[in-house]
Amino acid sequence: MAAGKRRAPGPARHVPAKVWEGRLGARTARAVEEYTASYAVDRRLFGEDIEGSLAHARMLREVGLIGEADHRAIRSGLRTVRDELERGEFPAASADEDIHTAIERRLHELIGPAAGRLHTGRSRNDQVATDVRLWCRRRTVELMLGCAGLQEALLARAGEHRHTPVPGYTHTQRAQVVSLAHHLLAYVEMLQRDVERLADGYRRCDVLPLGSGALAGTTLPIDRRITQRALGFGALSANSLDAVSDRDFAVEMVSSCALLMVHLSRFAEEIVLWTTAEFGFAELPDSHATGSSLMPQKKNPDVLELARGRSGRVIGDLMALLTALKGLPLAYNRDLQEDKEPLFDAVDTTLASLGIVADVVRRLRFDTAAMRRAASDPMLLATDVAEHLVARGMPFREAHILVGAAVRRCVGEGRTLTDLSLEEWRGLSDLLDEEVLALFDVDAALRRRELPGGPGPRSVGRALTRAATRVARNRKLADALAG
């Protein structure tokens, strides 16, 4: 026998109905079984569980803790179980408290005593932690790709509207002129931060806990690096106590989802407003709107309202997960079973919302004429007049007061700034000449804002190119992480 290898143990004994049956003699009460079961929730981890078990079995064979025949039987049995689960033909049992014990039970039915060797050197604690990390790594990539898809949809629409003026708002009041492209690019920037957060979280998720046992590792000569390579993890956990109780990576993922949903909610809110008769800046396609059960004229933005509303649910998922973790002593506690429902819900909701919002963006019709009419409100260029005075030497605060007085006068008289004659402007300040009259051209106002990050057409053109490059990089990064 090769140095460092152990002879495979003798035949495995009977596997009890409950894995702890050797310690607890009384049958578990039915109410307890029902209360503690999680099979309905964690069943979706079956792919990750089998992937982790295949890697673990391979490691056990390579270090000599199981023999070749048992390894072949375990590998074949696990693949059969995976096929049954994928086809929806898995024979679940009422005693299955979770997907992990269900797979172990079914494996024993298929291959007999050899199944009892699979759990060698492993606890459900490090097994489950590994499964959840595997799941989170995959979903992180999907979320990154979902963000990239929405970014691309926004970029395509922004590219159509570099020269389309629209009011920019503060306090939901018209403020200054921007372009529609510039407005849409603001959401591309938000999503870029979301992608970067997800990618950063992936690095901390990419740590293998398998081999940590229940909390103190194992006395058996396992080789964690074999399973690390098999599963493609970037690092091994450094502390067995922390490894089995750590759910920071799940918190980070749900937190990223919560903030991403807040961004989607902000976008949804704006489009809901823009599609009202009061704004009239946009119209939803009939395919992405609903009607009223009572009022025949209604066209409702239900999809966007639901995206806005579901942001609250994902924020709640984050609070639920943080609350479950906040009082837990080291190491594993059964409270950690409650990590999956908020995690799954947050990711599922965010992925679905990314897809449907991107679909809306591609099909949304913008009323550029209505936008231009609103952006042509001369009051939006009051700041330009103040800055015109500053460029001629007046202190900004003095210019602000002077133009503010002109605005107050116009409002009181039912006029606007373009109604003021040249003589009236000159009466306000001798620094104002006929050039002030040219300040109220909305397209010229955009062209005056050709600074980095500004809404000028050339600046927006550069921003579009830069954003397209970053989104392409996002896709490449996601593909690389997916392996």
Protein backbone atom coordinates (compact mmCIF):
# COMPACT_ATOMS: atom_id res chain seq x y z
CA MET A 1 0.00 0.00 0.00
CA ALA A 2 1.34 3.44 -0.96
CA ALA A 3 2.80 5.60 1.80
CA GLY A 4 0.23 7.85 3.45
CA LYS A 5 -2.65 5.69 2.16
CA ARG A 6 -5.01 3.79 4.43
CA ARG A 7 -6.65 0.50 3.69
CA ALA A 8 -10.36 0.92 2.96
CA PRO A 9 -12.46 0.01 6.02
CA GLY A 10 -14.62 -3.08 6.17
CA PRO A 11 -18.31 -3.27 5.19
CA ALA A 12 -20.49 -0.37 6.27
CA ARG A 13 -23.21 -1.01 8.83
CA HIS A 14 -26.91 -0.33 8.51
CA VAL A 15 -27.76 3.35 8.03
CA PRO A 16 -30.44 4.36 10.56
CA ALA A 17 -33.62 6.21 9.60
CA LYS A 18 -32.20 9.26 11.39
CA VAL A 19 -28.49 9.98 11.23
CA TRP A 20 -28.46 10.62 14.99
CA GLU A 21 -30.45 7.48 15.88
CA GLY A 22 -27.48 5.98 17.67
CA ARG A 23 -27.60 8.75 20.28
CA LEU A 24 -31.34 9.40 20.65
CA GLY A 25 -33.36 6.31 21.36
CA ALA A 26 -36.87 7.72 21.17
CA ARG A 27 -38.51 8.29 17.80
CA THR A 28 -38.63 11.95 16.78
CA ALA A 29 -42.09 13.38 17.34
CA ARG A 30 -44.03 14.00 14.14
CA ALA A 31 -44.59 17.64 15.08
CA VAL A 32 -40.84 18.09 15.53
CA GLU A 33 -40.15 16.48 12.16
CA GLU A 34 -42.60 18.78 10.45
CA TYR A 35 -41.29 21.87 12.23
CA THR A 36 -37.62 21.19 11.51
CA ALA A 37 -37.94 19.89 7.94
CA SER A 38 -36.53 22.05 5.15
CA TYR A 39 -36.76 19.70 2.17
CA ALA A 40 -39.35 21.86 0.39
CA VAL A 41 -36.99 24.84 0.53
CA ASP A 42 -33.51 23.36 0.09
CA ARG A 43 -34.49 20.80 -2.56
CA ARG A 44 -33.22 23.24 -5.17
CA LEU A 45 -29.69 22.68 -3.86
CA PHE A 46 -29.64 19.11 -5.14
CA GLY A 47 -27.28 19.90 -8.01
CA GLU A 48 -24.77 21.59 -5.74
CA ASP A 49 -25.10 18.85 -3.12
CA ILE A 50 -24.36 16.11 -5.63
CA GLU A 51 -21.51 18.10 -7.16
CA GLY A 52 -19.95 18.53 -3.71
CA SER A 53 -20.49 14.85 -2.87
CA LEU A 54 -18.86 13.70 -6.10
CA ALA A 55 -15.80 15.83 -5.35
CA HIS A 56 -15.71 14.59 -1.74
CA ALA A 57 -15.96 10.95 -2.84
CA ARG A 58 -13.16 11.47 -5.34
CA MET A 59 -10.97 12.90 -2.59
CA LEU A 60 -11.78 9.98 -0.26
CA ARG A 61 -10.73 7.56 -2.98
CA GLU A 62 -7.50 9.42 -3.75
CA VAL A 63 -6.38 9.43 -0.11
CA GLY A 64 -7.38 5.78 0.35
CA LEU A 65 -10.28 6.25 2.74
CA ILE A 66 -12.63 4.38 0.40
CA GLY A 67 -11.84 1.73 -2.15
CA GLU A 68 -12.21 1.92 -5.91
CA ALA A 69 -15.30 -0.30 -6.00
CA ASP A 70 -17.11 1.80 -3.41
CA HIS A 71 -16.09 4.97 -5.23
CA ARG A 72 -17.49 3.68 -8.50
CA ALA A 73 -20.73 2.69 -6.79
CA ILE A 74 -21.08 6.08 -5.05
CA ARG A 75 -20.32 7.98 -8.24
CA SER A 76 -22.80 5.95 -10.28
CA GLY A 77 -25.46 6.18 -7.59
CA LEU A 78 -25.11 9.94 -7.21
CA ARG A 79 -25.48 10.40 -10.95
CA THR A 80 -28.63 8.30 -10.91
CA VAL A 81 -30.03 10.39 -8.06
CA ARG A 82 -29.23 13.58 -9.97
CA ASP A 83 -31.00 12.25 -13.05
CA GLU A 84 -34.06 11.35 -10.96
CA LEU A 85 -34.16 14.82 -9.43
CA GLU A 86 -33.70 16.56 -12.77
CA ARG A 87 -36.52 14.51 -14.33
CA GLY A 88 -38.81 15.07 -11.34
CA GLU A 89 -38.85 11.32 -10.62
CA PHE A 90 -37.03 11.37 -7.28
CA PRO A 91 -38.88 9.19 -4.73
CA ALA A 92 -39.07 11.52 -1.74
CA ALA A 93 -39.83 10.04 1.67
CA SER A 94 -41.74 11.59 4.52
CA ALA A 95 -38.69 11.14 6.75
CA ASP A 96 -36.50 13.31 4.49
CA GLU A 97 -35.79 16.34 6.63
CA ASP A 98 -33.68 18.06 3.97
CA ILE A 99 -32.27 17.45 0.51
CA HIS A 100 -28.94 16.31 1.92
CA THR A 101 -30.33 13.43 3.97
CA ALA A 102 -32.79 12.65 1.17
CA ILE A 103 -29.94 12.13 -1.28
CA GLU A 104 -28.03 10.03 1.24
CA ARG A 105 -31.12 7.91 1.93
CA ARG A 106 -31.78 7.37 -1.78
CA LEU A 107 -28.14 6.57 -2.45
CA HIS A 108 -28.30 3.84 0.19
CA GLU A 109 -31.40 2.42 -1.50
CA LEU A 110 -29.57 2.32 -4.83
CA ILE A 111 -26.10 1.04 -3.90
CA GLY A 112 -26.45 -0.40 -0.41
CA PRO A 113 -23.81 -0.21 2.33
CA ALA A 114 -21.25 1.61 0.18
CA ALA A 115 -23.41 4.73 0.55
CA GLY A 116 -22.49 4.82 4.22
CA ARG A 117 -18.90 5.63 3.32
CA LEU A 118 -19.73 8.90 1.52
CA HIS A 119 -20.09 10.90 4.72
CA THR A 120 -16.59 9.91 5.87
CA GLY A 121 -14.72 12.98 7.11
CA ARG A 122 -17.70 15.24 6.48
CA SER A 123 -20.48 16.83 8.52
CA ARG A 124 -23.75 18.21 7.30
CA ASN A 125 -22.44 21.53 8.60
CA ASP A 126 -19.57 21.85 6.13
CA GLN A 127 -21.59 20.00 3.48
CA VAL A 128 -24.44 22.52 3.58
CA ALA A 129 -22.10 25.50 3.78
CA THR A 130 -20.36 24.23 0.64
CA ASP A 131 -23.65 23.70 -1.19
CA VAL A 132 -24.83 27.24 -0.43
CA ARG A 133 -21.53 28.74 -1.56
CA LEU A 134 -21.68 26.77 -4.81
CA TRP A 135 -25.23 28.03 -5.37
CA CYS A 136 -24.29 31.62 -4.58
CA ARG A 137 -21.33 31.57 -6.95
CA ARG A 138 -23.57 30.53 -9.84
CA ARG A 139 -26.31 32.99 -9.01
CA THR A 140 -23.77 35.81 -8.66
CA VAL A 141 -22.76 35.24 -12.26
CA GLU A 142 -26.41 35.22 -13.34
CA LEU A 143 -27.04 38.49 -11.50
CA MET A 144 -24.01 40.09 -13.11
CA LEU A 145 -25.22 39.01 -16.54
CA GLY A 146 -28.72 40.30 -15.72
CA CYS A 147 -27.26 43.69 -14.84
CA ALA A 148 -25.26 43.70 -18.06
CA GLY A 149 -28.40 42.92 -20.05
CA LEU A 150 -30.25 45.85 -18.51
CA GLN A 151 -27.23 48.10 -19.01
CA GLU A 152 -27.17 47.17 -22.69
CA ALA A 153 -30.87 47.94 -23.05
CA LEU A 154 -30.38 51.35 -21.43
CA LEU A 155 -27.32 52.07 -23.58
CA ALA A 156 -29.21 51.24 -26.76
CA ARG A 157 -31.99 53.67 -25.87
CA ALA A 158 -29.54 56.32 -24.68
CA GLY A 159 -27.74 56.09 -28.01
CA GLU A 160 -30.97 57.13 -29.72
CA HIS A 161 -31.38 60.27 -27.59
CA ARG A 162 -28.08 62.12 -27.18
CA HIS A 163 -29.77 65.29 -28.44
CA THR A 164 -33.18 64.85 -26.81
CA PRO A 165 -33.63 67.49 -24.07
CA VAL A 166 -35.60 66.59 -20.97
CA PRO A 167 -36.00 68.37 -17.64
CA GLY A 168 -33.77 67.21 -14.85
CA TYR A 169 -35.50 67.25 -11.46
CA THR A 170 -34.66 67.87 -7.85
CA HIS A 171 -37.37 67.51 -5.19
CA THR A 172 -39.59 66.32 -8.10
CA GLN A 173 -39.52 69.91 -9.38
CA ARG A 174 -38.12 70.94 -12.73
CA ALA A 175 -34.53 72.02 -12.18
CA GLN A 176 -32.20 72.15 -15.20
CA VAL A 177 -31.96 70.78 -18.71
CA VAL A 178 -30.29 67.44 -19.38
CA SER A 179 -30.57 64.99 -22.23
CA LEU A 180 -32.61 61.79 -22.14
CA ALA A 181 -29.40 59.89 -22.88
CA HIS A 182 -27.72 61.46 -19.86
CA HIS A 183 -30.70 60.54 -17.70
CA LEU A 184 -30.65 56.90 -18.81
CA LEU A 185 -26.89 56.70 -18.36
CA ALA A 186 -27.36 57.54 -14.68
CA TYR A 187 -28.97 54.11 -14.25
CA VAL A 188 -26.15 52.47 -16.21
CA GLU A 189 -23.79 53.90 -13.58
CA MET A 190 -25.92 52.56 -10.72
CA LEU A 191 -25.94 49.11 -12.29
CA GLN A 192 -22.19 49.28 -12.78
CA ARG A 193 -21.74 49.68 -9.05
CA ASP A 194 -24.11 46.73 -8.57
CA VAL A 195 -21.95 44.58 -10.85
CA GLU A 196 -18.80 45.61 -9.00
CA ARG A 197 -20.39 44.82 -5.64
CA LEU A 198 -21.45 41.38 -6.86
CA ALA A 199 -17.98 40.67 -8.27
CA ASP A 200 -16.39 41.75 -5.01
CA GLY A 201 -18.76 39.53 -3.03
CA TYR A 202 -17.95 36.60 -5.31
CA ARG A 203 -14.35 36.70 -4.07
CA ARG A 204 -15.45 36.15 -0.46
CA CYS A 205 -17.97 33.52 -1.50
CA ASP A 206 -15.26 31.62 -3.39
CA VAL A 207 -13.90 29.93 -0.24
CA LEU A 208 -14.32 26.19 0.36
CA PRO A 209 -15.52 25.15 3.86
CA LEU A 210 -15.62 21.41 3.10
CA GLY A 211 -13.22 19.61 5.41
CA SER A 212 -14.14 21.72 8.41
CA GLY A 213 -16.40 18.95 9.70
CA ALA A 214 -19.01 19.90 12.28
CA LEU A 215 -16.68 22.55 13.72
CA ALA A 216 -13.25 20.97 14.41
CA GLY A 217 -12.25 19.25 11.20
CA THR A 218 -11.52 15.53 11.29
CA THR A 219 -8.78 13.17 12.49
CA LEU A 220 -8.95 11.30 9.18
CA PRO A 221 -6.24 12.08 6.59
CA ILE A 222 -8.41 13.96 4.10
CA ASP A 223 -6.89 16.32 1.53
CA ARG A 224 -8.93 19.53 1.26
CA ARG A 225 -6.96 20.74 -1.74
CA ILE A 226 -8.22 17.85 -3.84
CA THR A 227 -11.84 18.92 -3.27
CA GLN A 228 -10.86 22.58 -3.72
CA ARG A 229 -9.47 21.83 -7.17
CA ALA A 230 -12.39 19.59 -8.09
CA LEU A 231 -14.94 22.27 -7.18
CA GLY A 232 -12.92 25.20 -8.52
CA PHE A 233 -12.81 27.23 -5.31
CA GLY A 234 -10.27 30.02 -5.12
CA ALA A 235 -9.33 29.45 -1.48
CA LEU A 236 -9.75 27.16 1.51
CA SER A 237 -11.42 28.39 4.69
CA ALA A 238 -8.84 29.30 7.31
CA ASN A 239 -10.80 28.48 10.48
CA SER A 240 -13.13 25.51 10.89
CA LEU A 241 -15.31 27.24 13.49
CA ASP A 242 -15.87 30.22 11.23
CA ALA A 243 -16.25 28.11 8.09
CA VAL A 244 -19.36 26.23 9.22
CA SER A 245 -21.06 29.25 10.79
CA ASP A 246 -20.15 31.95 8.25
CA ARG A 247 -23.02 33.31 6.20
CA ASP A 248 -21.45 36.70 5.52
CA PHE A 249 -21.26 35.81 1.84
CA ALA A 250 -25.02 35.23 1.80
CA VAL A 251 -25.64 38.53 3.59
CA GLU A 252 -23.46 40.32 1.04
CA MET A 253 -25.34 38.71 -1.80
CA VAL A 254 -28.75 39.62 -0.40
CA SER A 255 -27.47 43.11 0.40
CA SER A 256 -26.31 43.51 -3.20
CA CYS A 257 -29.73 42.33 -4.36
CA ALA A 258 -31.48 44.77 -2.02
CA LEU A 259 -29.53 47.75 -3.32
CA LEU A 260 -29.94 46.57 -6.90
CA MET A 261 -33.69 46.36 -6.35
CA VAL A 262 -33.66 49.87 -4.91
CA HIS A 263 -32.09 51.04 -8.17
CA LEU A 264 -34.72 49.18 -10.19
CA SER A 265 -37.41 50.67 -7.96
CA ARG A 266 -36.14 54.19 -8.58
CA PHE A 267 -36.20 53.59 -12.32
CA ALA A 268 -39.66 52.05 -12.12
CA GLU A 269 -40.93 55.03 -10.14
CA GLU A 270 -39.69 57.46 -12.78
CA ILE A 271 -41.28 55.56 -15.64
CA VAL A 272 -44.53 55.27 -13.68
CA LEU A 273 -44.48 59.07 -13.36
CA TRP A 274 -43.40 59.64 -16.95
CA THR A 275 -46.28 57.53 -18.28
CA THR A 276 -48.91 59.59 -16.47
CA ALA A 277 -50.98 62.15 -18.38
CA GLU A 278 -49.46 64.81 -16.13
CA PHE A 279 -45.95 64.09 -17.46
CA GLY A 280 -46.69 62.38 -20.78
CA PHE A 281 -43.00 61.67 -21.44
CA ALA A 282 -43.40 57.95 -22.20
CA GLU A 283 -45.90 55.23 -23.01
CA LEU A 284 -45.72 51.56 -22.15
CA PRO A 285 -46.41 49.03 -24.90
CA ASP A 286 -49.75 47.29 -24.52
CA SER A 287 -47.89 44.01 -24.07
CA HIS A 288 -46.29 45.31 -20.86
CA ALA A 289 -49.28 47.09 -19.31
CA THR A 290 -52.61 46.05 -17.84
CA GLY A 291 -56.11 47.48 -17.82
CA SER A 292 -58.76 48.16 -15.22
CA SER A 293 -61.58 45.83 -14.24
CA LEU A 294 -63.86 48.87 -14.01
CA MET A 295 -62.49 51.81 -16.01
CA PRO A 296 -62.24 51.14 -19.75
CA GLN A 297 -59.75 53.95 -20.42
CA LYS A 298 -57.05 52.79 -18.01
CA LYS A 299 -53.57 51.59 -18.99
CA ASN A 300 -51.70 50.65 -15.85
CA PRO A 301 -47.92 50.16 -15.33
CA ASP A 302 -48.36 47.08 -13.15
CA VAL A 303 -45.04 45.49 -14.11
CA LEU A 304 -43.09 48.53 -12.94
CA GLU A 305 -45.24 48.92 -9.84
CA LEU A 306 -44.50 45.32 -8.90
CA ALA A 307 -40.77 45.83 -9.44
CA ARG A 308 -41.03 48.87 -7.18
CA GLY A 309 -43.06 46.94 -4.59
CA ARG A 310 -40.86 43.85 -4.60
CA SER A 311 -37.84 45.93 -3.68
CA GLY A 312 -39.42 46.06 -0.22
CA ARG A 313 -39.55 42.29 -0.09
CA VAL A 314 -35.86 41.95 -0.89
CA ILE A 315 -34.98 44.59 1.69
CA GLY A 316 -37.03 42.46 4.12
CA ASP A 317 -35.02 39.39 3.11
CA LEU A 318 -31.85 41.22 4.10
CA MET A 319 -33.32 42.16 7.47
CA ALA A 320 -34.49 38.57 8.05
CA LEU A 321 -31.05 37.14 7.33
CA LEU A 322 -29.20 39.68 9.47
CA THR A 323 -31.63 39.12 12.33
CA ALA A 324 -31.18 35.34 12.13
CA LEU A 325 -27.42 35.73 12.42
CA LYS A 326 -27.11 38.49 14.99
CA GLY A 327 -27.21 36.43 18.20
CA LEU A 328 -25.51 33.18 17.18
CA PRO A 329 -22.54 31.91 19.21
CA LEU A 330 -19.91 29.83 17.44
CA ALA A 331 -20.18 27.49 15.71
CA TYR A 332 -23.18 25.98 13.89
CA ASN A 333 -26.72 26.59 15.18
CA ARG A 334 -29.93 25.35 13.58
CA ASP A 335 -30.96 28.98 13.11
CA LEU A 336 -28.74 28.86 10.02
CA GLN A 337 -31.36 26.69 8.35
CA GLU A 338 -33.29 29.96 8.01
CA ASP A 339 -30.69 31.44 5.65
CA LYS A 340 -32.09 29.84 2.52
CA GLU A 341 -35.60 31.26 2.18
CA PRO A 342 -34.49 34.92 2.26
CA LEU A 343 -31.45 34.14 0.12
CA PHE A 344 -33.42 32.28 -2.53
CA ASP A 345 -36.24 34.82 -2.53
CA ALA A 346 -33.89 37.79 -2.85
CA VAL A 347 -31.99 36.29 -5.77
CA ASP A 348 -35.08 34.96 -7.55
CA THR A 349 -36.90 38.29 -7.23
CA THR A 350 -33.91 40.31 -8.38
CA LEU A 351 -33.19 38.12 -11.39
CA ALA A 352 -36.83 38.22 -12.49
CA SER A 353 -37.00 42.00 -11.99
CA LEU A 354 -33.82 42.60 -13.99
CA GLY A 355 -35.23 40.64 -16.90
CA ILE A 356 -38.66 42.28 -16.98
CA VAL A 357 -37.33 45.83 -16.53
CA ALA A 358 -34.86 45.29 -19.37
CA ASP A 359 -37.78 44.11 -21.49
CA VAL A 360 -39.72 47.28 -20.66
CA VAL A 361 -36.73 49.50 -21.51
CA ARG A 362 -36.41 47.93 -24.96
CA ARG A 363 -40.11 48.49 -25.76
CA LEU A 364 -40.82 51.81 -24.04
CA ARG A 365 -41.93 54.63 -26.34
CA PHE A 366 -40.56 58.06 -25.46
CA ASP A 367 -42.54 61.17 -26.41
CA THR A 368 -39.58 63.37 -27.30
CA ALA A 369 -41.81 66.27 -28.32
CA ALA A 370 -43.38 66.36 -24.85
CA MET A 371 -39.95 66.17 -23.28
CA ARG A 372 -38.68 69.05 -25.41
CA ARG A 373 -41.70 71.20 -24.53
CA ALA A 374 -41.09 70.63 -20.83
CA ALA A 375 -37.34 71.18 -21.14
CA SER A 376 -37.97 74.45 -23.00
CA ASP A 377 -39.45 76.05 -19.88
CA PRO A 378 -37.25 79.17 -19.60
CA MET A 379 -37.18 78.87 -15.82
CA LEU A 380 -34.93 75.82 -16.17
CA LEU A 381 -32.22 78.15 -17.49
CA ALA A 382 -32.28 80.63 -14.61
CA THR A 383 -28.99 79.20 -13.35
CA ASP A 384 -27.46 79.77 -16.80
CA VAL A 385 -28.32 83.47 -16.49
CA ALA A 386 -26.68 83.61 -13.05
CA GLU A 387 -23.57 81.89 -14.40
CA HIS A 388 -23.57 84.32 -17.36
CA LEU A 389 -23.29 87.13 -14.82
CA VAL A 390 -20.56 85.28 -12.92
CA ALA A 391 -18.56 84.94 -16.14
CA ARG A 392 -18.71 88.76 -16.36
CA GLY A 393 -17.35 89.25 -12.87
CA MET A 394 -20.37 89.25 -10.55
CA PRO A 395 -20.09 87.13 -7.37
CA PHE A 396 -22.31 84.07 -7.62
CA ARG A 397 -24.40 84.86 -4.53
CA GLU A 398 -25.17 88.32 -5.88
CA ALA A 399 -26.05 86.84 -9.28
CA HIS A 400 -28.28 84.23 -7.62
CA ILE A 401 -30.20 86.93 -5.73
CA LEU A 402 -30.57 89.09 -8.83
CA VAL A 403 -31.92 86.29 -11.04
CA GLY A 404 -34.10 85.03 -8.18
CA ALA A 405 -35.69 88.47 -8.01
CA ALA A 406 -36.32 88.36 -11.75
CA VAL A 407 -37.99 84.96 -11.37
CA ARG A 408 -40.15 86.22 -8.51
CA ARG A 409 -41.21 89.20 -10.61
CA CYS A 410 -42.14 86.97 -13.57
CA VAL A 411 -44.13 84.56 -11.41
CA GLY A 412 -45.99 87.44 -9.81
CA GLU A 413 -46.87 88.89 -13.20
CA GLY A 414 -47.77 85.57 -14.84
CA ARG A 415 -44.79 85.79 -17.17
CA THR A 416 -41.59 83.81 -17.68
CA LEU A 417 -37.96 84.79 -18.18
CA THR A 418 -38.17 84.96 -21.98
CA ASP A 419 -40.98 87.50 -21.63
CA LEU A 420 -38.52 90.02 -20.19
CA SER A 421 -37.34 92.57 -22.74
CA LEU A 422 -33.70 93.48 -23.25
CA GLU A 423 -34.39 96.79 -21.52
CA GLU A 424 -35.79 94.93 -18.50
CA TRP A 425 -32.73 92.69 -18.33
CA ARG A 426 -30.44 95.72 -18.56
CA GLY A 427 -32.44 97.33 -15.79
CA LEU A 428 -31.46 94.42 -13.56
CA SER A 429 -27.74 94.71 -14.30
CA ASP A 430 -25.55 96.53 -16.76
CA LEU A 431 -23.67 93.24 -17.19
CA LEU A 432 -26.67 91.87 -19.09
CA ASP A 433 -26.78 92.59 -22.81
CA GLU A 434 -28.36 91.01 -25.87
CA GLU A 435 -26.41 87.78 -25.23
CA VAL A 436 -28.76 86.98 -22.37
CA LEU A 437 -31.57 86.45 -24.85
CA ALA A 438 -29.61 83.66 -26.54
CA LEU A 439 -29.24 81.73 -23.30
CA PHE A 440 -32.77 80.31 -23.53
CA ASP A 441 -32.15 78.02 -26.49
CA VAL A 442 -32.46 74.55 -24.97
CA ASP A 443 -30.10 72.83 -27.44
CA ALA A 444 -27.47 75.49 -26.87
CA ALA A 445 -27.92 75.02 -23.14
CA LEU A 446 -26.94 71.36 -23.54
CA ARG A 447 -23.94 72.26 -25.68
CA ARG A 448 -22.72 74.59 -22.95
CA ARG A 449 -22.35 71.58 -20.65
CA GLU A 450 -19.52 69.75 -22.37
CA LEU A 451 -17.63 68.80 -19.24
CA PRO A 452 -16.65 65.31 -18.06
CA GLY A 453 -19.75 63.67 -16.62
CA GLY A 454 -22.00 66.40 -18.02
CA PRO A 455 -25.04 66.20 -20.30
CA GLY A 456 -23.50 67.86 -23.35
CA PRO A 457 -23.89 65.79 -26.55
CA ARG A 458 -20.15 65.22 -26.98
CA SER A 459 -19.70 64.35 -23.31
CA VAL A 460 -22.62 61.94 -23.52
CA GLY A 461 -21.10 60.40 -26.65
CA ARG A 462 -17.88 59.72 -24.75
CA ALA A 463 -19.88 58.38 -21.81
CA LEU A 464 -21.74 55.98 -24.10
CA THR A 465 -18.46 54.63 -25.49
CA ARG A 466 -16.99 54.27 -22.03
CA ALA A 467 -20.10 52.55 -20.68
CA ALA A 468 -20.27 50.13 -23.60
CA THR A 469 -16.66 49.13 -22.92
CA ARG A 470 -17.39 48.58 -19.25
CA VAL A 471 -20.48 46.49 -19.95
CA ALA A 472 -18.53 44.30 -22.38
CA ARG A 473 -15.95 43.89 -19.62
CA ASN A 474 -18.72 42.93 -17.19
CA ARG A 475 -19.79 40.12 -19.50
CA LYS A 476 -16.24 38.87 -19.87
CA LEU A 477 -15.75 38.90 -16.11
CA ALA A 478 -19.00 37.00 -15.54
CA ASP A 479 -17.99 34.43 -18.17
CA ALA A 480 -14.59 34.04 -16.52
CA LEU A 481 -16.15 33.53 -13.09
CA ALA A 482 -18.52 30.96 -14.56
CA GLY A 483 -15.48 29.03 -15.74
